[in-house]
Amino acid sequence: MTPHVDDIPLSKELLDNHMVVMDIVYNPLNTRLLSEAGKIGCTTVDGASMFIYQGAEQFELWTNIKAPVAIMKLAVLAALDERDKTGG
């Protein structure tokens, strides 16, 4: 994660194209781990997904209302995009 965006937590030789690889880091959204996994054909899941679904579950636990996951996803991705643009 920032500032170590070129680091990878395991040897890419351990990756296999039948794997699903998830990185819980969302800054940057497309980490080196996900990039390397994608190059060999793995299914990848970025850290924003975990962040969004954690928030959705918490929302539902607190409100007993179904979380608006699509709207939450748009908001998170927009905030990450804005942060990237402003360097924050």
N, C-alpha and C. Protein backbone atom coordinates (compact mmCIF):
# COMPACT_ATOMS: atom_id res chain seq x y z
N MET A 1 0.84 -1.17 0.00
CA MET A 1 0.00 0.00 0.00
C MET A 1 0.88 1.23 0.00
N THR A 2 0.32 2.35 -0.25
CA THR A 2 1.07 3.59 -0.32
C THR A 2 1.88 3.77 0.95
N PRO A 3 3.14 4.04 0.90
CA PRO A 3 3.97 4.36 -0.28
C PRO A 3 4.67 3.16 -0.90
N HIS A 4 4.35 1.97 -0.49
CA HIS A 4 5.05 0.76 -0.96
C HIS A 4 4.29 0.09 -2.11
N VAL A 5 3.94 0.87 -3.12
CA VAL A 5 3.06 0.38 -4.19
C VAL A 5 3.70 -0.68 -5.07
N ASP A 6 5.02 -0.82 -5.02
CA ASP A 6 5.68 -1.84 -5.84
C ASP A 6 5.91 -3.14 -5.09
N ASP A 7 5.54 -3.19 -3.81
CA ASP A 7 5.72 -4.40 -3.01
C ASP A 7 4.61 -5.41 -3.33
N ILE A 8 4.93 -6.67 -3.13
CA ILE A 8 3.96 -7.74 -3.29
C ILE A 8 4.17 -8.70 -2.11
N PRO A 9 3.09 -9.13 -1.44
CA PRO A 9 3.25 -9.89 -0.19
C PRO A 9 3.66 -11.36 -0.36
N LEU A 10 3.77 -11.82 -1.58
CA LEU A 10 4.18 -13.20 -1.82
C LEU A 10 4.85 -13.29 -3.17
N SER A 11 5.52 -14.39 -3.38
CA SER A 11 6.18 -14.60 -4.66
C SER A 11 5.12 -14.83 -5.73
N LYS A 12 5.23 -14.12 -6.84
CA LYS A 12 4.22 -14.29 -7.90
C LYS A 12 4.25 -15.70 -8.49
N GLU A 13 5.31 -16.45 -8.26
CA GLU A 13 5.38 -17.83 -8.71
C GLU A 13 4.36 -18.72 -7.98
N LEU A 14 3.87 -18.28 -6.85
CA LEU A 14 2.86 -19.03 -6.09
C LEU A 14 1.46 -18.87 -6.67
N LEU A 15 1.30 -17.92 -7.58
CA LEU A 15 -0.01 -17.66 -8.18
C LEU A 15 -0.29 -18.66 -9.29
N ASP A 16 -1.53 -19.05 -9.40
CA ASP A 16 -1.98 -19.99 -10.44
C ASP A 16 -3.24 -19.40 -11.08
N ASN A 17 -3.39 -19.58 -12.37
CA ASN A 17 -4.50 -18.93 -13.08
C ASN A 17 -5.88 -19.42 -12.66
N HIS A 18 -5.97 -20.45 -11.83
CA HIS A 18 -7.26 -20.91 -11.33
C HIS A 18 -7.66 -20.25 -10.02
N MET A 19 -6.80 -19.39 -9.51
CA MET A 19 -7.03 -18.77 -8.20
C MET A 19 -7.92 -17.53 -8.30
N VAL A 20 -8.58 -17.26 -7.20
CA VAL A 20 -9.21 -15.97 -6.97
C VAL A 20 -8.30 -15.26 -5.98
N VAL A 21 -7.82 -14.08 -6.36
CA VAL A 21 -6.88 -13.34 -5.52
C VAL A 21 -7.53 -12.03 -5.10
N MET A 22 -7.57 -11.81 -3.78
CA MET A 22 -8.13 -10.58 -3.24
C MET A 22 -7.06 -9.86 -2.45
N ASP A 23 -7.00 -8.56 -2.65
CA ASP A 23 -6.11 -7.72 -1.86
C ASP A 23 -6.99 -6.76 -1.08
N ILE A 24 -6.80 -6.68 0.23
CA ILE A 24 -7.65 -5.80 1.02
C ILE A 24 -7.21 -4.34 0.95
N VAL A 25 -6.07 -4.08 0.34
CA VAL A 25 -5.58 -2.72 0.16
C VAL A 25 -6.44 -2.03 -0.90
N TYR A 26 -6.81 -0.77 -0.66
CA TYR A 26 -7.55 -0.02 -1.68
C TYR A 26 -6.86 1.29 -2.05
N ASN A 27 -5.60 1.43 -1.66
CA ASN A 27 -4.81 2.58 -2.07
C ASN A 27 -3.40 2.11 -2.38
N PRO A 28 -3.10 1.78 -3.63
CA PRO A 28 -3.91 1.98 -4.83
C PRO A 28 -4.94 0.86 -4.99
N LEU A 29 -5.94 1.14 -5.79
CA LEU A 29 -7.01 0.17 -6.01
C LEU A 29 -6.49 -1.06 -6.75
N ASN A 30 -5.69 -0.85 -7.78
CA ASN A 30 -5.09 -1.97 -8.52
C ASN A 30 -3.67 -2.16 -8.02
N THR A 31 -3.50 -2.98 -6.99
CA THR A 31 -2.19 -3.20 -6.39
C THR A 31 -1.32 -4.06 -7.30
N ARG A 32 -0.05 -4.11 -6.97
CA ARG A 32 0.85 -4.95 -7.76
C ARG A 32 0.42 -6.41 -7.67
N LEU A 33 -0.03 -6.85 -6.49
CA LEU A 33 -0.51 -8.22 -6.35
C LEU A 33 -1.63 -8.50 -7.33
N LEU A 34 -2.62 -7.61 -7.40
CA LEU A 34 -3.74 -7.82 -8.32
C LEU A 34 -3.30 -7.74 -9.77
N SER A 35 -2.37 -6.84 -10.05
CA SER A 35 -1.86 -6.71 -11.41
C SER A 35 -1.15 -7.99 -11.86
N GLU A 36 -0.27 -8.50 -11.00
CA GLU A 36 0.45 -9.73 -11.33
C GLU A 36 -0.51 -10.91 -11.46
N ALA A 37 -1.48 -11.00 -10.55
CA ALA A 37 -2.45 -12.09 -10.61
C ALA A 37 -3.30 -12.00 -11.88
N GLY A 38 -3.70 -10.79 -12.24
CA GLY A 38 -4.50 -10.60 -13.45
C GLY A 38 -3.74 -10.98 -14.71
N LYS A 39 -2.44 -10.71 -14.73
CA LYS A 39 -1.62 -11.04 -15.90
C LYS A 39 -1.60 -12.53 -16.20
N ILE A 40 -1.71 -13.36 -15.15
CA ILE A 40 -1.66 -14.80 -15.39
C ILE A 40 -3.06 -15.42 -15.47
N GLY A 41 -4.08 -14.60 -15.36
CA GLY A 41 -5.44 -15.10 -15.55
C GLY A 41 -6.24 -15.36 -14.31
N CYS A 42 -5.74 -14.95 -13.15
CA CYS A 42 -6.51 -15.11 -11.92
C CYS A 42 -7.73 -14.19 -11.94
N THR A 43 -8.77 -14.59 -11.24
CA THR A 43 -9.88 -13.69 -10.96
C THR A 43 -9.42 -12.81 -9.81
N THR A 44 -9.58 -11.49 -9.93
CA THR A 44 -9.10 -10.59 -8.88
C THR A 44 -10.24 -9.80 -8.26
N VAL A 45 -10.06 -9.48 -6.99
CA VAL A 45 -11.03 -8.69 -6.23
C VAL A 45 -10.23 -7.62 -5.49
N ASP A 46 -10.60 -6.35 -5.70
CA ASP A 46 -9.84 -5.27 -5.06
C ASP A 46 -10.33 -5.00 -3.64
N GLY A 47 -9.52 -4.26 -2.89
CA GLY A 47 -9.81 -3.97 -1.50
C GLY A 47 -11.04 -3.12 -1.27
N ALA A 48 -11.43 -2.33 -2.27
CA ALA A 48 -12.63 -1.51 -2.11
C ALA A 48 -13.86 -2.39 -1.92
N SER A 49 -13.86 -3.56 -2.52
CA SER A 49 -15.01 -4.46 -2.38
C SER A 49 -15.21 -4.86 -0.92
N MET A 50 -14.13 -5.23 -0.24
CA MET A 50 -14.25 -5.58 1.17
C MET A 50 -14.71 -4.38 1.98
N PHE A 51 -14.13 -3.23 1.71
CA PHE A 51 -14.48 -1.99 2.41
C PHE A 51 -15.97 -1.69 2.25
N ILE A 52 -16.46 -1.80 1.02
CA ILE A 52 -17.87 -1.50 0.73
C ILE A 52 -18.80 -2.50 1.43
N TYR A 53 -18.49 -3.78 1.33
CA TYR A 53 -19.39 -4.78 1.92
C TYR A 53 -19.31 -4.80 3.45
N GLN A 54 -18.16 -4.42 4.03
CA GLN A 54 -18.11 -4.24 5.48
C GLN A 54 -19.05 -3.13 5.89
N GLY A 55 -18.97 -2.02 5.16
CA GLY A 55 -19.85 -0.88 5.46
C GLY A 55 -21.31 -1.23 5.28
N ALA A 56 -21.61 -1.99 4.24
CA ALA A 56 -23.00 -2.38 3.98
C ALA A 56 -23.52 -3.26 5.12
N GLU A 57 -22.71 -4.20 5.56
CA GLU A 57 -23.13 -5.07 6.67
C GLU A 57 -23.35 -4.27 7.95
N GLN A 58 -22.46 -3.33 8.23
CA GLN A 58 -22.63 -2.49 9.41
C GLN A 58 -23.89 -1.64 9.30
N PHE A 59 -24.13 -1.07 8.13
CA PHE A 59 -25.33 -0.27 7.90
C PHE A 59 -26.58 -1.10 8.21
N GLU A 60 -26.61 -2.33 7.69
CA GLU A 60 -27.78 -3.19 7.89
C GLU A 60 -27.94 -3.60 9.36
N LEU A 61 -26.84 -3.87 10.04
CA LEU A 61 -26.92 -4.22 11.46
C LEU A 61 -27.46 -3.06 12.31
N TRP A 62 -27.05 -1.85 11.98
CA TRP A 62 -27.46 -0.69 12.76
C TRP A 62 -28.86 -0.21 12.42
N THR A 63 -29.28 -0.38 11.17
CA THR A 63 -30.55 0.23 10.74
C THR A 63 -31.66 -0.77 10.46
N ASN A 64 -31.32 -2.05 10.31
CA ASN A 64 -32.29 -3.06 9.86
C ASN A 64 -32.90 -2.71 8.50
N ILE A 65 -32.14 -1.98 7.71
CA ILE A 65 -32.54 -1.60 6.36
C ILE A 65 -31.52 -2.19 5.39
N LYS A 66 -31.99 -2.71 4.27
CA LYS A 66 -31.10 -3.24 3.24
C LYS A 66 -30.18 -2.12 2.74
N ALA A 67 -28.89 -2.39 2.77
CA ALA A 67 -27.91 -1.39 2.35
C ALA A 67 -27.98 -1.13 0.85
N PRO A 68 -27.86 0.14 0.46
CA PRO A 68 -27.82 0.49 -0.96
C PRO A 68 -26.40 0.28 -1.51
N VAL A 69 -26.02 -0.97 -1.71
CA VAL A 69 -24.64 -1.32 -2.04
C VAL A 69 -24.17 -0.61 -3.32
N ALA A 70 -25.00 -0.55 -4.34
CA ALA A 70 -24.57 0.10 -5.60
C ALA A 70 -24.24 1.57 -5.37
N ILE A 71 -25.04 2.24 -4.58
CA ILE A 71 -24.79 3.66 -4.28
C ILE A 71 -23.54 3.80 -3.42
N MET A 72 -23.39 2.91 -2.45
CA MET A 72 -22.21 2.94 -1.60
C MET A 72 -20.95 2.73 -2.43
N LYS A 73 -21.01 1.81 -3.38
CA LYS A 73 -19.86 1.54 -4.24
C LYS A 73 -19.51 2.78 -5.06
N LEU A 74 -20.51 3.42 -5.64
CA LEU A 74 -20.25 4.65 -6.41
C LEU A 74 -19.61 5.72 -5.54
N ALA A 75 -20.09 5.86 -4.31
CA ALA A 75 -19.56 6.88 -3.40
C ALA A 75 -18.10 6.58 -3.03
N VAL A 76 -17.81 5.33 -2.71
CA VAL A 76 -16.44 4.96 -2.33
C VAL A 76 -15.49 5.16 -3.51
N LEU A 77 -15.87 4.67 -4.68
CA LEU A 77 -14.99 4.81 -5.84
C LEU A 77 -14.80 6.28 -6.22
N ALA A 78 -15.84 7.08 -6.10
CA ALA A 78 -15.71 8.52 -6.38
C ALA A 78 -14.78 9.18 -5.37
N ALA A 79 -14.89 8.82 -4.10
CA ALA A 79 -14.02 9.39 -3.08
C ALA A 79 -12.56 8.98 -3.30
N LEU A 80 -12.33 7.72 -3.66
CA LEU A 80 -10.97 7.27 -3.95
C LEU A 80 -10.41 7.99 -5.17
N ASP A 81 -11.22 8.16 -6.18
CA ASP A 81 -10.81 8.86 -7.39
C ASP A 81 -10.45 10.32 -7.07
N GLU A 82 -11.28 10.96 -6.27
CA GLU A 82 -11.04 12.36 -5.89
C GLU A 82 -9.77 12.47 -5.07
N ARG A 83 -9.56 11.53 -4.16
CA ARG A 83 -8.35 11.54 -3.35
C ARG A 83 -7.12 11.40 -4.24
N ASP A 84 -7.20 10.52 -5.24
CA ASP A 84 -6.09 10.34 -6.15
C ASP A 84 -5.79 11.62 -6.93
N LYS A 85 -6.84 12.32 -7.33
CA LYS A 85 -6.67 13.55 -8.10
C LYS A 85 -6.04 14.67 -7.27
N THR A 86 -6.37 14.71 -5.98
CA THR A 86 -5.88 15.79 -5.12
C THR A 86 -4.63 15.42 -4.35
N GLY A 87 -4.22 14.15 -4.48
CA GLY A 87 -3.03 13.70 -3.78
C GLY A 87 -3.24 13.48 -2.29
N GLY A 88 -4.50 13.36 -1.87
CA GLY A 88 -4.79 13.20 -0.44
C GLY A 88 -5.03 11.86 -0.06
